[in-house]
Amino acid sequence: MFDDCMKQILIEFNKTSNITIDYLTDKLSNHSKDDIKYRLRRLREKGMIRRRPNVIDMRRVFYRLATLEEYYASNSSLSDFELRLFEEISNIKKGN
């Protein structure tokens, strides 16, 4: 489900709102770039993060944490753990 790499990625989203793969590769040096890409894809599939185009360099994308509304809209069958984790991350992000 959520391994150490995925948790560290979510922690980085609490520090900054727009993240690139290169940023994560620098911050999570103990994980390979392929591992990070895979975890980002899984988080996107779960609806926890969204892609945003980089208008300066269209070959690259930014990732951002999905809003609660976006998250609920994309996931109808979530486990209680996933819901609590995402709500906790969202509350930390808002400063609550």
PDB file of N, CA and C in Angstrom:
ATOM      1  N   MET A   1       0.838  -1.169   0.000  1.00  0.00           N
ATOM      2  CA  MET A   1       0.000   0.000   0.000  1.00  0.00           C
ATOM      3  C   MET A   1       0.895   1.250   0.000  1.00  0.00           C
ATOM      4  N   PHE A   2       1.160   1.867   1.127  1.00  0.00           N
ATOM      5  CA  PHE A   2       2.041   3.031   1.212  1.00  0.00           C
ATOM      6  C   PHE A   2       3.374   2.585   1.809  1.00  0.00           C
ATOM      7  N   ASP A   3       4.411   2.644   0.990  1.00  0.00           N
ATOM      8  CA  ASP A   3       5.729   2.287   1.490  1.00  0.00           C
ATOM      9  C   ASP A   3       6.484   3.547   1.905  1.00  0.00           C
ATOM     10  N   ASP A   4       7.716   3.366   2.311  1.00  0.00           N
ATOM     11  CA  ASP A   4       8.523   4.476   2.815  1.00  0.00           C
ATOM     12  C   ASP A   4       8.713   5.561   1.758  1.00  0.00           C
ATOM     13  N   CYS A   5       8.974   5.167   0.524  1.00  0.00           N
ATOM     14  CA  CYS A   5       9.200   6.139  -0.542  1.00  0.00           C
ATOM     15  C   CYS A   5       7.948   6.988  -0.772  1.00  0.00           C
ATOM     16  N   MET A   6       6.792   6.357  -0.803  1.00  0.00           N
ATOM     17  CA  MET A   6       5.539   7.073  -1.037  1.00  0.00           C
ATOM     18  C   MET A   6       5.255   8.042   0.113  1.00  0.00           C
ATOM     19  N   LYS A   7       5.518   7.617   1.330  1.00  0.00           N
ATOM     20  CA  LYS A   7       5.307   8.500   2.485  1.00  0.00           C
ATOM     21  C   LYS A   7       6.244   9.705   2.429  1.00  0.00           C
ATOM     22  N   GLN A   8       7.490   9.481   2.031  1.00  0.00           N
ATOM     23  CA  GLN A   8       8.440  10.584   1.929  1.00  0.00           C
ATOM     24  C   GLN A   8       8.030  11.567   0.836  1.00  0.00           C
ATOM     25  N   ILE A   9       7.491  11.061  -0.251  1.00  0.00           N
ATOM     26  CA  ILE A   9       6.999  11.936  -1.318  1.00  0.00           C
ATOM     27  C   ILE A   9       5.863  12.804  -0.793  1.00  0.00           C
ATOM     28  N   LEU A  10       4.940  12.214  -0.056  1.00  0.00           N
ATOM     29  CA  LEU A  10       3.823  12.978   0.495  1.00  0.00           C
ATOM     30  C   LEU A  10       4.305  14.016   1.505  1.00  0.00           C
ATOM     31  N   ILE A  11       5.330  13.689   2.255  1.00  0.00           N
ATOM     32  CA  ILE A  11       5.909  14.660   3.192  1.00  0.00           C
ATOM     33  C   ILE A  11       6.482  15.854   2.426  1.00  0.00           C
ATOM     34  N   GLU A  12       7.119  15.593   1.291  1.00  0.00           N
ATOM     35  CA  GLU A  12       7.667  16.686   0.477  1.00  0.00           C
ATOM     36  C   GLU A  12       6.554  17.598  -0.046  1.00  0.00           C
ATOM     37  N   PHE A  13       5.373  17.041  -0.305  1.00  0.00           N
ATOM     38  CA  PHE A  13       4.252  17.871  -0.745  1.00  0.00           C
ATOM     39  C   PHE A  13       3.802  18.822   0.366  1.00  0.00           C
ATOM     40  N   ASN A  14       4.058  18.482   1.607  1.00  0.00           N
ATOM     41  CA  ASN A  14       3.738  19.393   2.703  1.00  0.00           C
ATOM     42  C   ASN A  14       4.711  20.558   2.762  1.00  0.00           C
ATOM     43  N   LYS A  15       5.903  20.368   2.230  1.00  0.00           N
ATOM     44  CA  LYS A  15       6.920  21.418   2.261  1.00  0.00           C
ATOM     45  C   LYS A  15       6.779  22.399   1.099  1.00  0.00           C
ATOM     46  N   THR A  16       6.376  21.917  -0.050  1.00  0.00           N
ATOM     47  CA  THR A  16       6.241  22.757  -1.241  1.00  0.00           C
ATOM     48  C   THR A  16       5.040  22.297  -2.052  1.00  0.00           C
ATOM     49  N   SER A  17       4.403  23.209  -2.733  1.00  0.00           N
ATOM     50  CA  SER A  17       3.153  22.860  -3.411  1.00  0.00           C
ATOM     51  C   SER A  17       3.371  22.260  -4.797  1.00  0.00           C
ATOM     52  N   ASN A  18       4.338  22.738  -5.547  1.00  0.00           N
ATOM     53  CA  ASN A  18       4.610  22.216  -6.887  1.00  0.00           C
ATOM     54  C   ASN A  18       5.948  21.503  -6.890  1.00  0.00           C
ATOM     55  N   ILE A  19       5.911  20.237  -7.280  1.00  0.00           N
ATOM     56  CA  ILE A  19       7.099  19.394  -7.196  1.00  0.00           C
ATOM     57  C   ILE A  19       7.390  18.791  -8.563  1.00  0.00           C
ATOM     58  N   THR A  20       8.664  18.689  -8.888  1.00  0.00           N
ATOM     59  CA  THR A  20       9.081  18.003 -10.112  1.00  0.00           C
ATOM     60  C   THR A  20       9.774  16.694  -9.732  1.00  0.00           C
ATOM     61  N   ILE A  21       9.943  15.842 -10.704  1.00  0.00           N
ATOM     62  CA  ILE A  21      10.644  14.580 -10.458  1.00  0.00           C
ATOM     63  C   ILE A  21      12.095  14.860 -10.061  1.00  0.00           C
ATOM     64  N   ASP A  22      12.713  15.838 -10.700  1.00  0.00           N
ATOM     65  CA  ASP A  22      14.101  16.178 -10.361  1.00  0.00           C
ATOM     66  C   ASP A  22      14.221  16.651  -8.914  1.00  0.00           C
ATOM     67  N   TYR A  23      13.257  17.444  -8.458  1.00  0.00           N
ATOM     68  CA  TYR A  23      13.254  17.898  -7.067  1.00  0.00           C
ATOM     69  C   TYR A  23      13.200  16.700  -6.120  1.00  0.00           C
ATOM     70  N   LEU A  24      12.302  15.752  -6.421  1.00  0.00           N
ATOM     71  CA  LEU A  24      12.171  14.570  -5.563  1.00  0.00           C
ATOM     72  C   LEU A  24      13.412  13.695  -5.616  1.00  0.00           C
ATOM     73  N   THR A  25      14.015  13.590  -6.774  1.00  0.00           N
ATOM     74  CA  THR A  25      15.237  12.794  -6.910  1.00  0.00           C
ATOM     75  C   THR A  25      16.352  13.368  -6.036  1.00  0.00           C
ATOM     76  N   ASP A  26      16.444  14.698  -5.987  1.00  0.00           N
ATOM     77  CA  ASP A  26      17.447  15.338  -5.127  1.00  0.00           C
ATOM     78  C   ASP A  26      17.134  15.134  -3.652  1.00  0.00           C
ATOM     79  N   LYS A  27      15.874  15.295  -3.275  1.00  0.00           N
ATOM     80  CA  LYS A  27      15.479  15.201  -1.863  1.00  0.00           C
ATOM     81  C   LYS A  27      15.487  13.767  -1.345  1.00  0.00           C
ATOM     82  N   LEU A  28      15.116  12.816  -2.200  1.00  0.00           N
ATOM     83  CA  LEU A  28      15.038  11.409  -1.788  1.00  0.00           C
ATOM     84  C   LEU A  28      16.165  10.624  -2.437  1.00  0.00           C
ATOM     85  N   SER A  29      17.370  10.979  -2.106  1.00  0.00           N
ATOM     86  CA  SER A  29      18.541  10.400  -2.758  1.00  0.00           C
ATOM     87  C   SER A  29      18.704   8.899  -2.498  1.00  0.00           C
ATOM     88  N   ASN A  30      18.047   8.380  -1.479  1.00  0.00           N
ATOM     89  CA  ASN A  30      18.150   6.947  -1.194  1.00  0.00           C
ATOM     90  C   ASN A  30      17.191   6.113  -2.052  1.00  0.00           C
ATOM     91  N   HIS A  31      16.397   6.761  -2.917  1.00  0.00           N
ATOM     92  CA  HIS A  31      15.487   6.064  -3.831  1.00  0.00           C
ATOM     93  C   HIS A  31      15.863   6.401  -5.269  1.00  0.00           C
ATOM     94  N   SER A  32      15.716   5.433  -6.154  1.00  0.00           N
ATOM     95  CA  SER A  32      16.058   5.670  -7.555  1.00  0.00           C
ATOM     96  C   SER A  32      14.979   6.511  -8.240  1.00  0.00           C
ATOM     97  N   LYS A  33      15.358   7.098  -9.364  1.00  0.00           N
ATOM     98  CA  LYS A  33      14.413   7.924 -10.131  1.00  0.00           C
ATOM     99  C   LYS A  33      13.239   7.078 -10.620  1.00  0.00           C
ATOM    100  N   ASP A  34      13.512   5.844 -11.004  1.00  0.00           N
ATOM    101  CA  ASP A  34      12.434   4.954 -11.461  1.00  0.00           C
ATOM    102  C   ASP A  34      11.458   4.646 -10.331  1.00  0.00           C
ATOM    103  N   ASP A  35      11.974   4.444  -9.116  1.00  0.00           N
ATOM    104  CA  ASP A  35      11.099   4.209  -7.960  1.00  0.00           C
ATOM    105  C   ASP A  35      10.194   5.414  -7.714  1.00  0.00           C
ATOM    106  N   ILE A  36      10.780   6.599  -7.810  1.00  0.00           N
ATOM    107  CA  ILE A  36      10.013   7.821  -7.576  1.00  0.00           C
ATOM    108  C   ILE A  36       8.945   7.999  -8.654  1.00  0.00           C
ATOM    109  N   LYS A  37       9.305   7.746  -9.911  1.00  0.00           N
ATOM    110  CA  LYS A  37       8.326   7.853 -10.998  1.00  0.00           C
ATOM    111  C   LYS A  37       7.167   6.877 -10.796  1.00  0.00           C
ATOM    112  N   TYR A  38       7.502   5.657 -10.381  1.00  0.00           N
ATOM    113  CA  TYR A  38       6.463   4.655 -10.141  1.00  0.00           C
ATOM    114  C   TYR A  38       5.528   5.095  -9.016  1.00  0.00           C
ATOM    115  N   ARG A  39       6.105   5.602  -7.920  1.00  0.00           N
ATOM    116  CA  ARG A  39       5.273   6.048  -6.783  1.00  0.00           C
ATOM    117  C   ARG A  39       4.398   7.232  -7.181  1.00  0.00           C
ATOM    118  N   LEU A  40       4.935   8.149  -7.980  1.00  0.00           N
ATOM    119  CA  LEU A  40       4.127   9.280  -8.451  1.00  0.00           C
ATOM    120  C   LEU A  40       2.970   8.793  -9.317  1.00  0.00           C
ATOM    121  N   ARG A  41       3.239   7.824 -10.166  1.00  0.00           N
ATOM    122  CA  ARG A  41       2.166   7.270 -11.008  1.00  0.00           C
ATOM    123  C   ARG A  41       1.089   6.623 -10.142  1.00  0.00           C
ATOM    124  N   ARG A  42       1.500   5.892  -9.126  1.00  0.00           N
ATOM    125  CA  ARG A  42       0.526   5.255  -8.224  1.00  0.00           C
ATOM    126  C   ARG A  42      -0.292   6.300  -7.464  1.00  0.00           C
ATOM    127  N   LEU A  43       0.353   7.375  -7.002  1.00  0.00           N
ATOM    128  CA  LEU A  43      -0.359   8.442  -6.306  1.00  0.00           C
ATOM    129  C   LEU A  43      -1.337   9.148  -7.247  1.00  0.00           C
ATOM    130  N   ARG A  44      -0.945   9.308  -8.509  1.00  0.00           N
ATOM    131  CA  ARG A  44      -1.869   9.892  -9.495  1.00  0.00           C
ATOM    132  C   ARG A  44      -3.059   8.974  -9.736  1.00  0.00           C
ATOM    133  N   GLU A  45      -2.806   7.675  -9.838  1.00  0.00           N
ATOM    134  CA  GLU A  45      -3.891   6.712 -10.052  1.00  0.00           C
ATOM    135  C   GLU A  45      -4.862   6.713  -8.885  1.00  0.00           C
ATOM    136  N   LYS A  46      -4.357   6.919  -7.683  1.00  0.00           N
ATOM    137  CA  LYS A  46      -5.205   6.977  -6.499  1.00  0.00           C
ATOM    138  C   LYS A  46      -5.908   8.325  -6.358  1.00  0.00           C
ATOM    139  N   GLY A  47      -5.515   9.298  -7.178  1.00  0.00           N
ATOM    140  CA  GLY A  47      -6.145  10.606  -7.143  1.00  0.00           C
ATOM    141  C   GLY A  47      -5.596  11.539  -6.079  1.00  0.00           C
ATOM    142  N   MET A  48      -4.462  11.187  -5.479  1.00  0.00           N
ATOM    143  CA  MET A  48      -3.900  11.997  -4.409  1.00  0.00           C
ATOM    144  C   MET A  48      -3.094  13.183  -4.926  1.00  0.00           C
ATOM    145  N   ILE A  49      -2.545  13.051  -6.127  1.00  0.00           N
ATOM    146  CA  ILE A  49      -1.809  14.161  -6.719  1.00  0.00           C
ATOM    147  C   ILE A  49      -2.317  14.398  -8.130  1.00  0.00           C
ATOM    148  N   ARG A  50      -2.021  15.574  -8.650  1.00  0.00           N
ATOM    149  CA  ARG A  50      -2.418  15.972 -10.006  1.00  0.00           C
ATOM    150  C   ARG A  50      -1.194  16.484 -10.750  1.00  0.00           C
ATOM    151  N   ARG A  51      -1.225  16.321 -12.075  1.00  0.00           N
ATOM    152  CA  ARG A  51      -0.173  16.863 -12.926  1.00  0.00           C
ATOM    153  C   ARG A  51      -0.572  18.257 -13.370  1.00  0.00           C
ATOM    154  N   ARG A  52       0.426  19.122 -13.475  1.00  0.00           N
ATOM    155  CA  ARG A  52       0.202  20.481 -13.954  1.00  0.00           C
ATOM    156  C   ARG A  52       1.316  20.789 -14.941  1.00  0.00           C
ATOM    157  N   PRO A  53       0.995  21.243 -16.140  1.00  0.00           N
ATOM    158  CA  PRO A  53       2.060  21.492 -17.127  1.00  0.00           C
ATOM    159  C   PRO A  53       2.981  22.625 -16.692  1.00  0.00           C
ATOM    160  N   ASN A  54       4.216  22.498 -17.069  1.00  0.00           N
ATOM    161  CA  ASN A  54       5.206  23.544 -16.852  1.00  0.00           C
ATOM    162  C   ASN A  54       5.187  24.419 -18.104  1.00  0.00           C
ATOM    163  N   VAL A  55       4.620  25.594 -18.020  1.00  0.00           N
ATOM    164  CA  VAL A  55       4.456  26.442 -19.204  1.00  0.00           C
ATOM    165  C   VAL A  55       5.787  26.972 -19.730  1.00  0.00           C
ATOM    166  N   ILE A  56       6.808  26.988 -18.916  1.00  0.00           N
ATOM    167  CA  ILE A  56       8.126  27.441 -19.366  1.00  0.00           C
ATOM    168  C   ILE A  56       8.820  26.347 -20.173  1.00  0.00           C
ATOM    169  N   ASP A  57       8.691  25.106 -19.735  1.00  0.00           N
ATOM    170  CA  ASP A  57       9.301  23.965 -20.419  1.00  0.00           C
ATOM    171  C   ASP A  57       8.245  22.868 -20.526  1.00  0.00           C
ATOM    172  N   MET A  58       7.594  22.787 -21.653  1.00  0.00           N
ATOM    173  CA  MET A  58       6.456  21.872 -21.819  1.00  0.00           C
ATOM    174  C   MET A  58       6.860  20.395 -21.805  1.00  0.00           C
ATOM    175  N   ARG A  59       8.150  20.108 -21.793  1.00  0.00           N
ATOM    176  CA  ARG A  59       8.580  18.710 -21.693  1.00  0.00           C
ATOM    177  C   ARG A  59       8.480  18.194 -20.269  1.00  0.00           C
ATOM    178  N   ARG A  60       8.357  19.088 -19.327  1.00  0.00           N
ATOM    179  CA  ARG A  60       8.324  18.726 -17.908  1.00  0.00           C
ATOM    180  C   ARG A  60       6.972  19.080 -17.305  1.00  0.00           C
ATOM    181  N   VAL A  61       6.675  18.434 -16.193  1.00  0.00           N
ATOM    182  CA  VAL A  61       5.418  18.709 -15.493  1.00  0.00           C
ATOM    183  C   VAL A  61       5.696  18.955 -14.022  1.00  0.00           C
ATOM    184  N   PHE A  62       4.776  19.655 -13.399  1.00  0.00           N
ATOM    185  CA  PHE A  62       4.770  19.819 -11.957  1.00  0.00           C
ATOM    186  C   PHE A  62       3.710  18.889 -11.402  1.00  0.00           C
ATOM    187  N   TYR A  63       3.919  18.438 -10.190  1.00  0.00           N
ATOM    188  CA  TYR A  63       2.908  17.668  -9.487  1.00  0.00           C
ATOM    189  C   TYR A  63       2.446  18.484  -8.297  1.00  0.00           C
ATOM    190  N   ARG A  64       1.171  18.404  -8.003  1.00  0.00           N
ATOM    191  CA  ARG A  64       0.620  19.102  -6.847  1.00  0.00           C
ATOM    192  C   ARG A  64      -0.320  18.163  -6.127  1.00  0.00           C
ATOM    193  N   LEU A  65      -0.545  18.439  -4.861  1.00  0.00           N
ATOM    194  CA  LEU A  65      -1.472  17.659  -4.064  1.00  0.00           C
ATOM    195  C   LEU A  65      -2.898  17.983  -4.525  1.00  0.00           C
ATOM    196  N   ALA A  66      -3.706  16.982  -4.705  1.00  0.00           N
ATOM    197  CA  ALA A  66      -5.096  17.197  -5.126  1.00  0.00           C
ATOM    198  C   ALA A  66      -5.891  17.807  -3.978  1.00  0.00           C
ATOM    199  N   THR A  67      -6.895  18.580  -4.326  1.00  0.00           N
ATOM    200  CA  THR A  67      -7.780  19.106  -3.290  1.00  0.00           C
ATOM    201  C   THR A  67      -8.674  17.973  -2.795  1.00  0.00           C
ATOM    202  N   LEU A  68      -9.297  18.163  -1.647  1.00  0.00           N
ATOM    203  CA  LEU A  68     -10.195  17.134  -1.125  1.00  0.00           C
ATOM    204  C   LEU A  68     -11.322  16.840  -2.101  1.00  0.00           C
ATOM    205  N   GLU A  69     -11.862  17.867  -2.739  1.00  0.00           N
ATOM    206  CA  GLU A  69     -12.957  17.667  -3.696  1.00  0.00           C
ATOM    207  C   GLU A  69     -12.493  16.837  -4.889  1.00  0.00           C
ATOM    208  N   GLU A  70     -11.302  17.144  -5.407  1.00  0.00           N
ATOM    209  CA  GLU A  70     -10.757  16.362  -6.526  1.00  0.00           C
ATOM    210  C   GLU A  70     -10.515  14.921  -6.107  1.00  0.00           C
ATOM    211  N   TYR A  71     -10.034  14.763  -4.897  1.00  0.00           N
ATOM    212  CA  TYR A  71      -9.725  13.425  -4.396  1.00  0.00           C
ATOM    213  C   TYR A  71     -10.992  12.591  -4.227  1.00  0.00           C
ATOM    214  N   TYR A  72     -12.001  13.169  -3.595  1.00  0.00           N
ATOM    215  CA  TYR A  72     -13.254  12.439  -3.398  1.00  0.00           C
ATOM    216  C   TYR A  72     -13.928  12.130  -4.728  1.00  0.00           C
ATOM    217  N   ALA A  73     -13.848  13.055  -5.674  1.00  0.00           N
ATOM    218  CA  ALA A  73     -14.484  12.853  -6.974  1.00  0.00           C
ATOM    219  C   ALA A  73     -13.834  11.715  -7.753  1.00  0.00           C
ATOM    220  N   SER A  74     -12.546  11.526  -7.580  1.00  0.00           N
ATOM    221  CA  SER A  74     -11.841  10.495  -8.343  1.00  0.00           C
ATOM    222  C   SER A  74     -11.832   9.133  -7.666  1.00  0.00           C
ATOM    223  N   ASN A  75     -12.256   9.065  -6.408  1.00  0.00           N
ATOM    224  CA  ASN A  75     -12.187   7.810  -5.666  1.00  0.00           C
ATOM    225  C   ASN A  75     -13.501   7.518  -4.959  1.00  0.00           C
ATOM    226  N   SER A  76     -14.145   6.485  -5.414  1.00  0.00           N
ATOM    227  CA  SER A  76     -15.377   6.103  -4.731  1.00  0.00           C
ATOM    228  C   SER A  76     -15.158   4.940  -3.775  1.00  0.00           C
ATOM    229  N   SER A  77     -14.125   4.161  -4.003  1.00  0.00           N
ATOM    230  CA  SER A  77     -13.869   3.007  -3.133  1.00  0.00           C
ATOM    231  C   SER A  77     -12.510   3.153  -2.461  1.00  0.00           C
ATOM    232  N   LEU A  78     -12.481   3.922  -1.404  1.00  0.00           N
ATOM    233  CA  LEU A  78     -11.249   4.157  -0.662  1.00  0.00           C
ATOM    234  C   LEU A  78     -11.274   3.428   0.667  1.00  0.00           C
ATOM    235  N   SER A  79     -10.108   3.018   1.093  1.00  0.00           N
ATOM    236  CA  SER A  79     -10.025   2.418   2.414  1.00  0.00           C
ATOM    237  C   SER A  79     -10.041   3.530   3.460  1.00  0.00           C
ATOM    238  N   ASP A  80     -10.399   3.190   4.675  1.00  0.00           N
ATOM    239  CA  ASP A  80     -10.407   4.178   5.754  1.00  0.00           C
ATOM    240  C   ASP A  80      -9.016   4.763   5.973  1.00  0.00           C
ATOM    241  N   PHE A  81      -8.000   3.929   5.852  1.00  0.00           N
ATOM    242  CA  PHE A  81      -6.629   4.389   6.034  1.00  0.00           C
ATOM    243  C   PHE A  81      -6.277   5.455   4.996  1.00  0.00           C
ATOM    244  N   GLU A  82      -6.621   5.212   3.722  1.00  0.00           N
ATOM    245  CA  GLU A  82      -6.317   6.173   2.662  1.00  0.00           C
ATOM    246  C   GLU A  82      -7.046   7.498   2.891  1.00  0.00           C
ATOM    247  N   LEU A  83      -8.301   7.432   3.296  1.00  0.00           N
ATOM    248  CA  LEU A  83      -9.059   8.654   3.572  1.00  0.00           C
ATOM    249  C   LEU A  83      -8.449   9.442   4.722  1.00  0.00           C
ATOM    250  N   ARG A  84      -8.117   8.767   5.814  1.00  0.00           N
ATOM    251  CA  ARG A  84      -7.522   9.450   6.968  1.00  0.00           C
ATOM    252  C   ARG A  84      -6.175  10.062   6.610  1.00  0.00           C
ATOM    253  N   LEU A  85      -5.351   9.321   5.872  1.00  0.00           N
ATOM    254  CA  LEU A  85      -4.035   9.809   5.491  1.00  0.00           C
ATOM    255  C   LEU A  85      -4.157  11.062   4.637  1.00  0.00           C
ATOM    256  N   PHE A  86      -5.033  11.038   3.645  1.00  0.00           N
ATOM    257  CA  PHE A  86      -5.167  12.188   2.770  1.00  0.00           C
ATOM    258  C   PHE A  86      -5.743  13.391   3.513  1.00  0.00           C
ATOM    259  N   GLU A  87      -6.728  13.172   4.360  1.00  0.00           N
ATOM    260  CA  GLU A  87      -7.291  14.275   5.142  1.00  0.00           C
ATOM    261  C   GLU A  87      -6.249  14.863   6.086  1.00  0.00           C
ATOM    262  N   GLU A  88      -5.420  14.008   6.660  1.00  0.00           N
ATOM    263  CA  GLU A  88      -4.358  14.465   7.555  1.00  0.00           C
ATOM    264  C   GLU A  88      -3.349  15.332   6.795  1.00  0.00           C
ATOM    265  N   ILE A  89      -2.962  14.883   5.615  1.00  0.00           N
ATOM    266  CA  ILE A  89      -2.015  15.644   4.791  1.00  0.00           C
ATOM    267  C   ILE A  89      -2.627  16.981   4.383  1.00  0.00           C
ATOM    268  N   SER A  90      -3.897  16.972   4.011  1.00  0.00           N
ATOM    269  CA  SER A  90      -4.575  18.207   3.603  1.00  0.00           C
ATOM    270  C   SER A  90      -4.674  19.186   4.754  1.00  0.00           C
ATOM    271  N   ASN A  91      -4.955  18.693   5.958  1.00  0.00           N
ATOM    272  CA  ASN A  91      -5.050  19.582   7.121  1.00  0.00           C
ATOM    273  C   ASN A  91      -3.703  20.181   7.480  1.00  0.00           C
ATOM    274  N   ILE A  92      -2.635  19.408   7.367  1.00  0.00           N
ATOM    275  CA  ILE A  92      -1.298  19.912   7.640  1.00  0.00           C
ATOM    276  C   ILE A  92      -0.957  20.992   6.617  1.00  0.00           C
ATOM    277  N   LYS A  93      -1.311  20.763   5.367  1.00  0.00           N
ATOM    278  CA  LYS A  93      -1.023  21.703   4.300  1.00  0.00           C
ATOM    279  C   LYS A  93      -1.718  23.037   4.536  1.00  0.00           C
ATOM    280  N   LYS A  94      -2.959  22.972   5.045  1.00  0.00           N
ATOM    281  CA  LYS A  94      -3.726  24.184   5.315  1.00  0.00           C
ATOM    282  C   LYS A  94      -3.267  24.886   6.591  1.00  0.00           C
ATOM    283  N   GLY A  95      -2.486  24.194   7.400  1.00  0.00           N
ATOM    284  CA  GLY A  95      -2.011  24.778   8.663  1.00  0.00           C
ATOM    285  C   GLY A  95      -2.945  24.576   9.812  1.00  0.00           C
ATOM    286  N   ASN A  96      -3.866  23.618   9.705  1.00  0.00           N
ATOM    287  CA  ASN A  96      -4.818  23.317  10.803  1.00  0.00           C
ATOM    288  C   ASN A  96      -4.206  22.391  11.811  1.00  0.00           C
TER     289      ASN A  96
END
